[in-house]
Protein backbone atom coordinates (compact mmCIF):
# COMPACT_ATOMS: atom_id res chain seq x y z
CA UNK A 1 0.00 0.00 0.00
CA UNK A 2 1.32 3.43 -0.94
CA UNK A 3 1.84 5.89 1.89
CA UNK A 4 -0.05 9.19 1.76
CA UNK A 5 2.01 12.37 1.75
CA UNK A 6 1.76 14.86 4.59
CA UNK A 7 3.28 18.22 5.56
CA UNK A 8 4.55 18.71 9.11
CA UNK A 9 4.60 22.13 10.77
CA UNK A 10 7.60 22.42 13.08
CA UNK A 11 11.12 21.01 13.06
CA UNK A 12 11.97 21.00 16.75
CA UNK A 13 11.80 18.62 19.69
CA UNK A 14 8.11 17.77 19.48
CA UNK A 15 8.47 17.28 15.73
CA UNK A 16 11.03 14.54 16.42
CA UNK A 17 8.40 12.60 18.38
CA UNK A 18 5.79 13.14 15.67
CA UNK A 19 8.21 12.20 12.88
CA UNK A 20 9.31 8.93 14.43
CA UNK A 21 5.70 7.99 15.16
CA UNK A 22 4.64 8.74 11.58
CA UNK A 23 7.62 6.90 10.12
CA UNK A 24 6.85 3.86 12.26
CA UNK A 25 3.22 3.78 11.15
CA UNK A 26 4.11 3.64 7.44
CA UNK A 27 0.67 5.14 6.71
CA UNK A 28 2.13 8.53 5.88
CA UNK A 29 5.20 9.79 4.05
CA UNK A 30 6.49 13.20 5.13
CA UNK A 31 6.80 15.41 2.05
CA UNK A 32 8.31 18.40 3.87
CA UNK A 33 8.41 20.42 7.06
CA UNK A 34 7.36 24.04 7.53
CA UNK A 35 9.46 25.99 10.03
CA UNK A 36 9.89 29.75 9.80
CA UNK A 37 12.83 29.95 12.21
CA UNK A 38 14.83 26.78 11.52
CA UNK A 39 18.32 27.34 10.10
CA UNK A 40 18.68 23.83 8.62
CA UNK A 41 17.64 22.85 5.11
CA UNK A 42 16.33 19.42 6.02
CA UNK A 43 14.97 17.41 8.96
CA UNK A 44 14.89 13.61 9.12
CA UNK A 45 15.75 13.59 5.42
CA UNK A 46 12.86 15.77 4.26
CA UNK A 47 13.21 19.41 3.12
CA UNK A 48 12.29 22.35 5.35
CA UNK A 49 10.14 25.08 3.82
CA UNK A 50 10.54 28.54 5.33
CA UNK A 51 6.92 29.62 4.74
CA UNK A 52 3.48 28.10 4.28
CA UNK A 53 3.28 29.72 0.83
CA UNK A 54 6.51 28.03 -0.23
CA UNK A 55 5.19 24.66 0.93
CA UNK A 56 1.91 25.10 -0.96
CA UNK A 57 3.73 26.06 -4.17
CA UNK A 58 6.29 23.26 -3.91
CA UNK A 59 3.85 20.49 -2.91
CA UNK A 60 0.49 21.42 -4.48
CA UNK A 61 -0.74 17.81 -4.49
CA UNK A 62 -0.26 17.32 -0.73
CA UNK A 63 -3.59 17.89 1.05
CA UNK A 64 -2.83 16.60 4.55
CA UNK A 65 -0.85 18.23 7.34
CA UNK A 66 -0.01 17.87 11.02
CA UNK A 67 1.09 20.55 13.46
CA UNK A 68 4.06 19.33 15.53
CA UNK A 69 4.43 22.29 17.88
CA UNK A 70 4.42 21.96 21.65
CA UNK A 71 3.10 25.47 22.31
CA UNK A 72 -0.71 25.35 22.54
CA UNK A 73 -1.35 28.80 21.07
CA UNK A 74 1.00 28.27 18.13
CA UNK A 75 -0.50 24.85 17.47
CA UNK A 76 -3.98 26.38 17.41
CA UNK A 77 -2.97 29.20 15.04
CA UNK A 78 -1.37 26.83 12.58
CA UNK A 79 -4.14 24.24 12.72
CA UNK A 80 -6.80 26.87 12.08
CA UNK A 81 -4.77 28.26 9.15
CA UNK A 82 -4.38 24.80 7.63
CA UNK A 83 -8.07 24.00 8.08
CA UNK A 84 -9.10 27.25 6.40
CA UNK A 85 -6.71 26.42 3.56
CA UNK A 86 -8.44 23.09 2.95
CA UNK A 87 -5.93 20.69 4.47
CA UNK A 88 -7.03 17.55 6.26
CA UNK A 89 -5.46 17.04 9.69
CA UNK A 90 -5.52 13.44 10.90
CA UNK A 91 -5.14 12.41 14.50
CA UNK A 92 -2.21 10.07 14.96
CA UNK A 93 -1.37 7.49 17.60
CA UNK A 94 1.67 5.43 18.55
CA UNK A 95 1.31 1.70 18.00
CA UNK A 96 1.84 1.03 21.72
CA UNK A 97 -1.11 3.21 22.77
CA UNK A 98 -4.43 1.63 23.77
CA UNK A 99 -7.50 3.47 22.47
CA UNK A 100 -11.11 2.51 23.14
CA UNK A 101 -13.27 2.07 20.07
CA UNK A 102 -15.92 4.23 21.77
CA UNK A 103 -13.63 7.23 22.29
CA UNK A 104 -13.82 10.36 20.13
CA UNK A 105 -10.53 12.00 19.10
CA UNK A 106 -10.32 15.34 17.31
CA UNK A 107 -8.32 16.20 14.23
CA UNK A 108 -4.64 17.02 14.66
CA UNK A 109 -4.35 15.28 18.04
CA UNK A 110 -1.31 13.19 18.99
CA UNK A 111 -1.63 10.08 21.16
CA UNK A 112 1.93 9.25 22.22
CA UNK A 113 3.57 5.97 23.23
CA UNK A 114 2.05 3.91 26.06
CA UNK A 115 -0.98 6.21 26.43
CA UNK A 116 -4.33 4.70 27.42
CA UNK A 117 -7.61 6.21 26.19
CA UNK A 118 -10.65 4.74 27.93
CA UNK A 119 -14.28 4.15 27.05
CA UNK A 120 -16.53 7.04 26.03
CA UNK A 121 -13.79 9.64 26.29
CA UNK A 122 -13.89 12.80 24.19
CA UNK A 123 -10.61 14.49 23.22
CA UNK A 124 -10.66 17.76 21.30
CA UNK A 125 -8.67 18.72 18.26
CA UNK A 126 -5.02 19.68 18.27
CA UNK A 127 -4.29 18.04 21.63
CA UNK A 128 -1.12 16.33 22.83
CA UNK A 129 -1.69 13.23 24.95
CA UNK A 130 1.90 12.60 25.90
CA UNK A 131 3.86 9.49 26.79
CA UNK A 132 2.26 7.21 29.37
CA UNK A 133 -0.90 9.21 30.00
CA UNK A 134 -4.02 7.49 31.34
CA UNK A 135 -7.32 9.00 30.21
CA UNK A 136 -10.02 6.93 31.89
CA UNK A 137 -13.67 6.44 30.98
CA UNK A 138 -16.02 9.39 30.33
CA UNK A 139 -13.26 12.01 30.42
CA UNK A 140 -13.65 15.19 28.35
CA UNK A 141 -10.66 17.21 27.09
CA UNK A 142 -11.03 20.51 25.22
CA UNK A 143 -9.23 21.67 22.09
CA UNK A 144 -5.48 22.38 21.99
CA UNK A 145 -4.73 21.01 25.45
CA UNK A 146 -1.47 19.29 26.38
CA UNK A 147 -1.36 16.44 28.89
CA UNK A 148 2.31 16.11 29.79
CA UNK A 149 4.03 12.79 30.43
CA UNK A 150 2.32 10.30 32.78
CA UNK A 151 -0.74 12.43 33.55
CA UNK A 152 -3.72 10.48 34.90
CA UNK A 153 -7.29 11.66 34.35
CA UNK A 154 -9.68 9.54 36.40
CA UNK A 155 -13.20 8.71 35.33
CA UNK A 156 -15.54 11.56 34.47
CA UNK A 157 -12.97 14.32 34.91
CA UNK A 158 -13.00 17.33 32.59
CA UNK A 159 -10.14 19.46 31.25
CA UNK A 160 -10.91 22.59 29.26
CA UNK A 161 -9.29 23.94 26.14
CA UNK A 162 -5.77 25.38 25.88
CA UNK A 163 -4.66 23.80 29.15
CA UNK A 164 -1.27 22.36 30.06
CA UNK A 165 -1.33 19.67 32.74
CA UNK A 166 2.11 19.14 34.25
CA UNK A 167 3.97 15.81 34.19
CA UNK A 168 2.74 13.18 36.63
CA UNK A 169 -0.36 15.14 37.63
CA UNK A 170 -3.54 13.35 38.71
CA UNK A 171 -7.12 14.51 38.30
CA UNK A 172 -9.25 12.44 40.62
CA UNK A 173 -12.73 11.23 39.64
CA UNK A 174 -15.08 14.01 38.44
CA UNK A 175 -12.46 16.76 38.82
CA UNK A 176 -12.76 19.85 36.63
CA UNK A 177 -10.03 22.07 35.17
CA UNK A 178 -11.23 25.18 33.32
CA UNK A 179 -9.99 26.58 29.99
CA UNK A 180 -6.52 28.16 29.80
CA UNK A 181 -5.25 26.56 33.01
CA UNK A 182 -1.71 25.36 33.66
CA UNK A 183 -0.73 23.02 36.47
CA UNK A 184 2.73 22.22 37.80
CA UNK A 185 4.30 18.78 37.77
CA UNK A 186 2.83 16.32 40.24
CA UNK A 187 -0.38 18.27 40.91
CA UNK A 188 -3.23 16.33 42.54
CA UNK A 189 -6.69 17.73 41.85
CA UNK A 190 -9.84 16.35 43.42
CA UNK A 191 -13.53 16.93 42.79
CA UNK A 192 -13.76 19.51 45.59
CA UNK A 193 -11.49 21.79 43.56
CA UNK A 194 -12.41 23.57 40.34
CA UNK A 195 -9.16 24.81 38.92
CA UNK A 196 -9.28 27.90 36.74
CA UNK A 197 -6.74 30.29 35.33
C-alpha atoms as a PDB file:
ATOM      1  CA  UNK A   1       0.000   0.000   0.000  1.00  0.00           C
ATOM      2  CA  UNK A   2       1.317   3.432  -0.944  1.00  0.00           C
ATOM      3  CA  UNK A   3       1.836   5.887   1.893  1.00  0.00           C
ATOM      4  CA  UNK A   4      -0.050   9.194   1.757  1.00  0.00           C
ATOM      5  CA  UNK A   5       2.015  12.367   1.752  1.00  0.00           C
ATOM      6  CA  UNK A   6       1.760  14.858   4.594  1.00  0.00           C
ATOM      7  CA  UNK A   7       3.280  18.217   5.560  1.00  0.00           C
ATOM      8  CA  UNK A   8       4.553  18.708   9.113  1.00  0.00           C
ATOM      9  CA  UNK A   9       4.600  22.129  10.772  1.00  0.00           C
ATOM     10  CA  UNK A  10       7.596  22.422  13.082  1.00  0.00           C
ATOM     11  CA  UNK A  11      11.122  21.007  13.061  1.00  0.00           C
ATOM     12  CA  UNK A  12      11.968  21.003  16.750  1.00  0.00           C
ATOM     13  CA  UNK A  13      11.803  18.620  19.687  1.00  0.00           C
ATOM     14  CA  UNK A  14       8.109  17.771  19.475  1.00  0.00           C
ATOM     15  CA  UNK A  15       8.471  17.278  15.726  1.00  0.00           C
ATOM     16  CA  UNK A  16      11.034  14.543  16.420  1.00  0.00           C
ATOM     17  CA  UNK A  17       8.401  12.603  18.376  1.00  0.00           C
ATOM     18  CA  UNK A  18       5.794  13.137  15.674  1.00  0.00           C
ATOM     19  CA  UNK A  19       8.206  12.202  12.877  1.00  0.00           C
ATOM     20  CA  UNK A  20       9.309   8.929  14.432  1.00  0.00           C
ATOM     21  CA  UNK A  21       5.696   7.988  15.165  1.00  0.00           C
ATOM     22  CA  UNK A  22       4.641   8.738  11.584  1.00  0.00           C
ATOM     23  CA  UNK A  23       7.623   6.897  10.115  1.00  0.00           C
ATOM     24  CA  UNK A  24       6.852   3.861  12.264  1.00  0.00           C
ATOM     25  CA  UNK A  25       3.216   3.780  11.153  1.00  0.00           C
ATOM     26  CA  UNK A  26       4.107   3.643   7.438  1.00  0.00           C
ATOM     27  CA  UNK A  27       0.666   5.138   6.712  1.00  0.00           C
ATOM     28  CA  UNK A  28       2.128   8.534   5.883  1.00  0.00           C
ATOM     29  CA  UNK A  29       5.199   9.793   4.055  1.00  0.00           C
ATOM     30  CA  UNK A  30       6.489  13.195   5.128  1.00  0.00           C
ATOM     31  CA  UNK A  31       6.804  15.411   2.048  1.00  0.00           C
ATOM     32  CA  UNK A  32       8.306  18.402   3.869  1.00  0.00           C
ATOM     33  CA  UNK A  33       8.411  20.420   7.065  1.00  0.00           C
ATOM     34  CA  UNK A  34       7.363  24.043   7.528  1.00  0.00           C
ATOM     35  CA  UNK A  35       9.456  25.994  10.029  1.00  0.00           C
ATOM     36  CA  UNK A  36       9.889  29.753   9.803  1.00  0.00           C
ATOM     37  CA  UNK A  37      12.827  29.947  12.210  1.00  0.00           C
ATOM     38  CA  UNK A  38      14.834  26.784  11.519  1.00  0.00           C
ATOM     39  CA  UNK A  39      18.320  27.340  10.096  1.00  0.00           C
ATOM     40  CA  UNK A  40      18.677  23.830   8.619  1.00  0.00           C
ATOM     41  CA  UNK A  41      17.642  22.852   5.111  1.00  0.00           C
ATOM     42  CA  UNK A  42      16.333  19.415   6.020  1.00  0.00           C
ATOM     43  CA  UNK A  43      14.971  17.414   8.957  1.00  0.00           C
ATOM     44  CA  UNK A  44      14.888  13.608   9.117  1.00  0.00           C
ATOM     45  CA  UNK A  45      15.748  13.591   5.417  1.00  0.00           C
ATOM     46  CA  UNK A  46      12.856  15.775   4.260  1.00  0.00           C
ATOM     47  CA  UNK A  47      13.209  19.414   3.123  1.00  0.00           C
ATOM     48  CA  UNK A  48      12.286  22.349   5.351  1.00  0.00           C
ATOM     49  CA  UNK A  49      10.141  25.080   3.817  1.00  0.00           C
ATOM     50  CA  UNK A  50      10.538  28.537   5.331  1.00  0.00           C
ATOM     51  CA  UNK A  51       6.915  29.624   4.741  1.00  0.00           C
ATOM     52  CA  UNK A  52       3.478  28.099   4.279  1.00  0.00           C
ATOM     53  CA  UNK A  53       3.279  29.720   0.828  1.00  0.00           C
ATOM     54  CA  UNK A  54       6.505  28.034  -0.234  1.00  0.00           C
ATOM     55  CA  UNK A  55       5.191  24.659   0.925  1.00  0.00           C
ATOM     56  CA  UNK A  56       1.914  25.095  -0.964  1.00  0.00           C
ATOM     57  CA  UNK A  57       3.727  26.056  -4.172  1.00  0.00           C
ATOM     58  CA  UNK A  58       6.293  23.262  -3.906  1.00  0.00           C
ATOM     59  CA  UNK A  59       3.852  20.495  -2.905  1.00  0.00           C
ATOM     60  CA  UNK A  60       0.495  21.417  -4.483  1.00  0.00           C
ATOM     61  CA  UNK A  61      -0.740  17.811  -4.489  1.00  0.00           C
ATOM     62  CA  UNK A  62      -0.263  17.320  -0.727  1.00  0.00           C
ATOM     63  CA  UNK A  63      -3.591  17.889   1.045  1.00  0.00           C
ATOM     64  CA  UNK A  64      -2.833  16.598   4.555  1.00  0.00           C
ATOM     65  CA  UNK A  65      -0.847  18.229   7.341  1.00  0.00           C
ATOM     66  CA  UNK A  66      -0.013  17.868  11.020  1.00  0.00           C
ATOM     67  CA  UNK A  67       1.091  20.554  13.463  1.00  0.00           C
ATOM     68  CA  UNK A  68       4.056  19.327  15.526  1.00  0.00           C
ATOM     69  CA  UNK A  69       4.431  22.287  17.883  1.00  0.00           C
ATOM     70  CA  UNK A  70       4.417  21.960  21.653  1.00  0.00           C
ATOM     71  CA  UNK A  71       3.096  25.473  22.312  1.00  0.00           C
ATOM     72  CA  UNK A  72      -0.707  25.353  22.544  1.00  0.00           C
ATOM     73  CA  UNK A  73      -1.345  28.803  21.067  1.00  0.00           C
ATOM     74  CA  UNK A  74       1.005  28.274  18.133  1.00  0.00           C
ATOM     75  CA  UNK A  75      -0.501  24.853  17.469  1.00  0.00           C
ATOM     76  CA  UNK A  76      -3.983  26.376  17.407  1.00  0.00           C
ATOM     77  CA  UNK A  77      -2.970  29.203  15.041  1.00  0.00           C
ATOM     78  CA  UNK A  78      -1.369  26.827  12.577  1.00  0.00           C
ATOM     79  CA  UNK A  79      -4.139  24.240  12.717  1.00  0.00           C
ATOM     80  CA  UNK A  80      -6.803  26.872  12.077  1.00  0.00           C
ATOM     81  CA  UNK A  81      -4.775  28.255   9.148  1.00  0.00           C
ATOM     82  CA  UNK A  82      -4.382  24.800   7.633  1.00  0.00           C
ATOM     83  CA  UNK A  83      -8.069  23.995   8.084  1.00  0.00           C
ATOM     84  CA  UNK A  84      -9.095  27.250   6.401  1.00  0.00           C
ATOM     85  CA  UNK A  85      -6.711  26.423   3.561  1.00  0.00           C
ATOM     86  CA  UNK A  86      -8.439  23.094   2.949  1.00  0.00           C
ATOM     87  CA  UNK A  87      -5.935  20.685   4.469  1.00  0.00           C
ATOM     88  CA  UNK A  88      -7.030  17.547   6.263  1.00  0.00           C
ATOM     89  CA  UNK A  89      -5.459  17.037   9.688  1.00  0.00           C
ATOM     90  CA  UNK A  90      -5.519  13.437  10.897  1.00  0.00           C
ATOM     91  CA  UNK A  91      -5.144  12.410  14.500  1.00  0.00           C
ATOM     92  CA  UNK A  92      -2.209  10.071  14.957  1.00  0.00           C
ATOM     93  CA  UNK A  93      -1.371   7.494  17.600  1.00  0.00           C
ATOM     94  CA  UNK A  94       1.669   5.434  18.546  1.00  0.00           C
ATOM     95  CA  UNK A  95       1.309   1.696  17.999  1.00  0.00           C
ATOM     96  CA  UNK A  96       1.836   1.029  21.715  1.00  0.00           C
ATOM     97  CA  UNK A  97      -1.112   3.209  22.773  1.00  0.00           C
ATOM     98  CA  UNK A  98      -4.432   1.634  23.766  1.00  0.00           C
ATOM     99  CA  UNK A  99      -7.500   3.465  22.472  1.00  0.00           C
ATOM    100  CA  UNK A 100     -11.108   2.512  23.144  1.00  0.00           C
ATOM    101  CA  UNK A 101     -13.275   2.073  20.073  1.00  0.00           C
ATOM    102  CA  UNK A 102     -15.922   4.233  21.768  1.00  0.00           C
ATOM    103  CA  UNK A 103     -13.630   7.226  22.286  1.00  0.00           C
ATOM    104  CA  UNK A 104     -13.817  10.363  20.134  1.00  0.00           C
ATOM    105  CA  UNK A 105     -10.529  12.005  19.105  1.00  0.00           C
ATOM    106  CA  UNK A 106     -10.320  15.342  17.310  1.00  0.00           C
ATOM    107  CA  UNK A 107      -8.319  16.197  14.226  1.00  0.00           C
ATOM    108  CA  UNK A 108      -4.638  17.025  14.663  1.00  0.00           C
ATOM    109  CA  UNK A 109      -4.350  15.279  18.039  1.00  0.00           C
ATOM    110  CA  UNK A 110      -1.313  13.192  18.985  1.00  0.00           C
ATOM    111  CA  UNK A 111      -1.626  10.077  21.159  1.00  0.00           C
ATOM    112  CA  UNK A 112       1.934   9.253  22.223  1.00  0.00           C
ATOM    113  CA  UNK A 113       3.573   5.973  23.227  1.00  0.00           C
ATOM    114  CA  UNK A 114       2.046   3.913  26.056  1.00  0.00           C
ATOM    115  CA  UNK A 115      -0.977   6.206  26.434  1.00  0.00           C
ATOM    116  CA  UNK A 116      -4.334   4.702  27.422  1.00  0.00           C
ATOM    117  CA  UNK A 117      -7.609   6.211  26.186  1.00  0.00           C
ATOM    118  CA  UNK A 118     -10.652   4.741  27.934  1.00  0.00           C
ATOM    119  CA  UNK A 119     -14.276   4.155  27.051  1.00  0.00           C
ATOM    120  CA  UNK A 120     -16.532   7.041  26.029  1.00  0.00           C
ATOM    121  CA  UNK A 121     -13.793   9.642  26.288  1.00  0.00           C
ATOM    122  CA  UNK A 122     -13.885  12.798  24.186  1.00  0.00           C
ATOM    123  CA  UNK A 123     -10.614  14.487  23.222  1.00  0.00           C
ATOM    124  CA  UNK A 124     -10.662  17.756  21.298  1.00  0.00           C
ATOM    125  CA  UNK A 125      -8.674  18.722  18.261  1.00  0.00           C
ATOM    126  CA  UNK A 126      -5.017  19.683  18.269  1.00  0.00           C
ATOM    127  CA  UNK A 127      -4.288  18.041  21.626  1.00  0.00           C
ATOM    128  CA  UNK A 128      -1.122  16.334  22.829  1.00  0.00           C
ATOM    129  CA  UNK A 129      -1.690  13.235  24.953  1.00  0.00           C
ATOM    130  CA  UNK A 130       1.897  12.595  25.902  1.00  0.00           C
ATOM    131  CA  UNK A 131       3.856   9.491  26.790  1.00  0.00           C
ATOM    132  CA  UNK A 132       2.264   7.206  29.372  1.00  0.00           C
ATOM    133  CA  UNK A 133      -0.903   9.214  29.998  1.00  0.00           C
ATOM    134  CA  UNK A 134      -4.016   7.494  31.338  1.00  0.00           C
ATOM    135  CA  UNK A 135      -7.317   9.004  30.213  1.00  0.00           C
ATOM    136  CA  UNK A 136     -10.019   6.932  31.892  1.00  0.00           C
ATOM    137  CA  UNK A 137     -13.670   6.441  30.979  1.00  0.00           C
ATOM    138  CA  UNK A 138     -16.020   9.389  30.335  1.00  0.00           C
ATOM    139  CA  UNK A 139     -13.261  12.006  30.421  1.00  0.00           C
ATOM    140  CA  UNK A 140     -13.652  15.186  28.352  1.00  0.00           C
ATOM    141  CA  UNK A 141     -10.656  17.214  27.087  1.00  0.00           C
ATOM    142  CA  UNK A 142     -11.034  20.509  25.217  1.00  0.00           C
ATOM    143  CA  UNK A 143      -9.233  21.669  22.085  1.00  0.00           C
ATOM    144  CA  UNK A 144      -5.477  22.384  21.993  1.00  0.00           C
ATOM    145  CA  UNK A 145      -4.728  21.012  25.453  1.00  0.00           C
ATOM    146  CA  UNK A 146      -1.469  19.288  26.375  1.00  0.00           C
ATOM    147  CA  UNK A 147      -1.362  16.444  28.887  1.00  0.00           C
ATOM    148  CA  UNK A 148       2.312  16.108  29.787  1.00  0.00           C
ATOM    149  CA  UNK A 149       4.030  12.791  30.426  1.00  0.00           C
ATOM    150  CA  UNK A 150       2.317  10.302  32.777  1.00  0.00           C
ATOM    151  CA  UNK A 151      -0.738  12.427  33.555  1.00  0.00           C
ATOM    152  CA  UNK A 152      -3.725  10.479  34.904  1.00  0.00           C
ATOM    153  CA  UNK A 153      -7.292  11.665  34.348  1.00  0.00           C
ATOM    154  CA  UNK A 154      -9.677   9.541  36.396  1.00  0.00           C
ATOM    155  CA  UNK A 155     -13.200   8.706  35.329  1.00  0.00           C
ATOM    156  CA  UNK A 156     -15.539  11.561  34.474  1.00  0.00           C
ATOM    157  CA  UNK A 157     -12.973  14.322  34.912  1.00  0.00           C
ATOM    158  CA  UNK A 158     -12.995  17.332  32.588  1.00  0.00           C
ATOM    159  CA  UNK A 159     -10.141  19.455  31.254  1.00  0.00           C
ATOM    160  CA  UNK A 160     -10.910  22.589  29.261  1.00  0.00           C
ATOM    161  CA  UNK A 161      -9.290  23.937  26.142  1.00  0.00           C
ATOM    162  CA  UNK A 162      -5.772  25.380  25.879  1.00  0.00           C
ATOM    163  CA  UNK A 163      -4.663  23.803  29.155  1.00  0.00           C
ATOM    164  CA  UNK A 164      -1.268  22.359  30.064  1.00  0.00           C
ATOM    165  CA  UNK A 165      -1.334  19.666  32.743  1.00  0.00           C
ATOM    166  CA  UNK A 166       2.110  19.140  34.249  1.00  0.00           C
ATOM    167  CA  UNK A 167       3.969  15.811  34.194  1.00  0.00           C
ATOM    168  CA  UNK A 168       2.741  13.184  36.626  1.00  0.00           C
ATOM    169  CA  UNK A 169      -0.358  15.141  37.635  1.00  0.00           C
ATOM    170  CA  UNK A 170      -3.536  13.349  38.713  1.00  0.00           C
ATOM    171  CA  UNK A 171      -7.123  14.507  38.295  1.00  0.00           C
ATOM    172  CA  UNK A 172      -9.247  12.438  40.617  1.00  0.00           C
ATOM    173  CA  UNK A 173     -12.727  11.233  39.642  1.00  0.00           C
ATOM    174  CA  UNK A 174     -15.085  14.012  38.445  1.00  0.00           C
ATOM    175  CA  UNK A 175     -12.461  16.760  38.823  1.00  0.00           C
ATOM    176  CA  UNK A 176     -12.764  19.855  36.627  1.00  0.00           C
ATOM    177  CA  UNK A 177     -10.033  22.067  35.169  1.00  0.00           C
ATOM    178  CA  UNK A 178     -11.230  25.180  33.318  1.00  0.00           C
ATOM    179  CA  UNK A 179      -9.986  26.582  29.992  1.00  0.00           C
ATOM    180  CA  UNK A 180      -6.517  28.164  29.801  1.00  0.00           C
ATOM    181  CA  UNK A 181      -5.254  26.555  33.011  1.00  0.00           C
ATOM    182  CA  UNK A 182      -1.710  25.361  33.661  1.00  0.00           C
ATOM    183  CA  UNK A 183      -0.727  23.015  36.471  1.00  0.00           C
ATOM    184  CA  UNK A 184       2.731  22.223  37.802  1.00  0.00           C
ATOM    185  CA  UNK A 185       4.296  18.781  37.766  1.00  0.00           C
ATOM    186  CA  UNK A 186       2.826  16.323  40.240  1.00  0.00           C
ATOM    187  CA  UNK A 187      -0.375  18.265  40.906  1.00  0.00           C
ATOM    188  CA  UNK A 188      -3.228  16.329  42.538  1.00  0.00           C
ATOM    189  CA  UNK A 189      -6.689  17.734  41.853  1.00  0.00           C
ATOM    190  CA  UNK A 190      -9.843  16.345  43.425  1.00  0.00           C
ATOM    191  CA  UNK A 191     -13.531  16.929  42.785  1.00  0.00           C
ATOM    192  CA  UNK A 192     -13.763  19.511  45.589  1.00  0.00           C
ATOM    193  CA  UNK A 193     -11.486  21.787  43.555  1.00  0.00           C
ATOM    194  CA  UNK A 194     -12.410  23.573  40.337  1.00  0.00           C
ATOM    195  CA  UNK A 195      -9.159  24.815  38.917  1.00  0.00           C
ATOM    196  CA  UNK A 196      -9.277  27.903  36.743  1.00  0.00           C
ATOM    197  CA  UNK A 197      -6.737  30.288  35.331  1.00  0.00           C
END
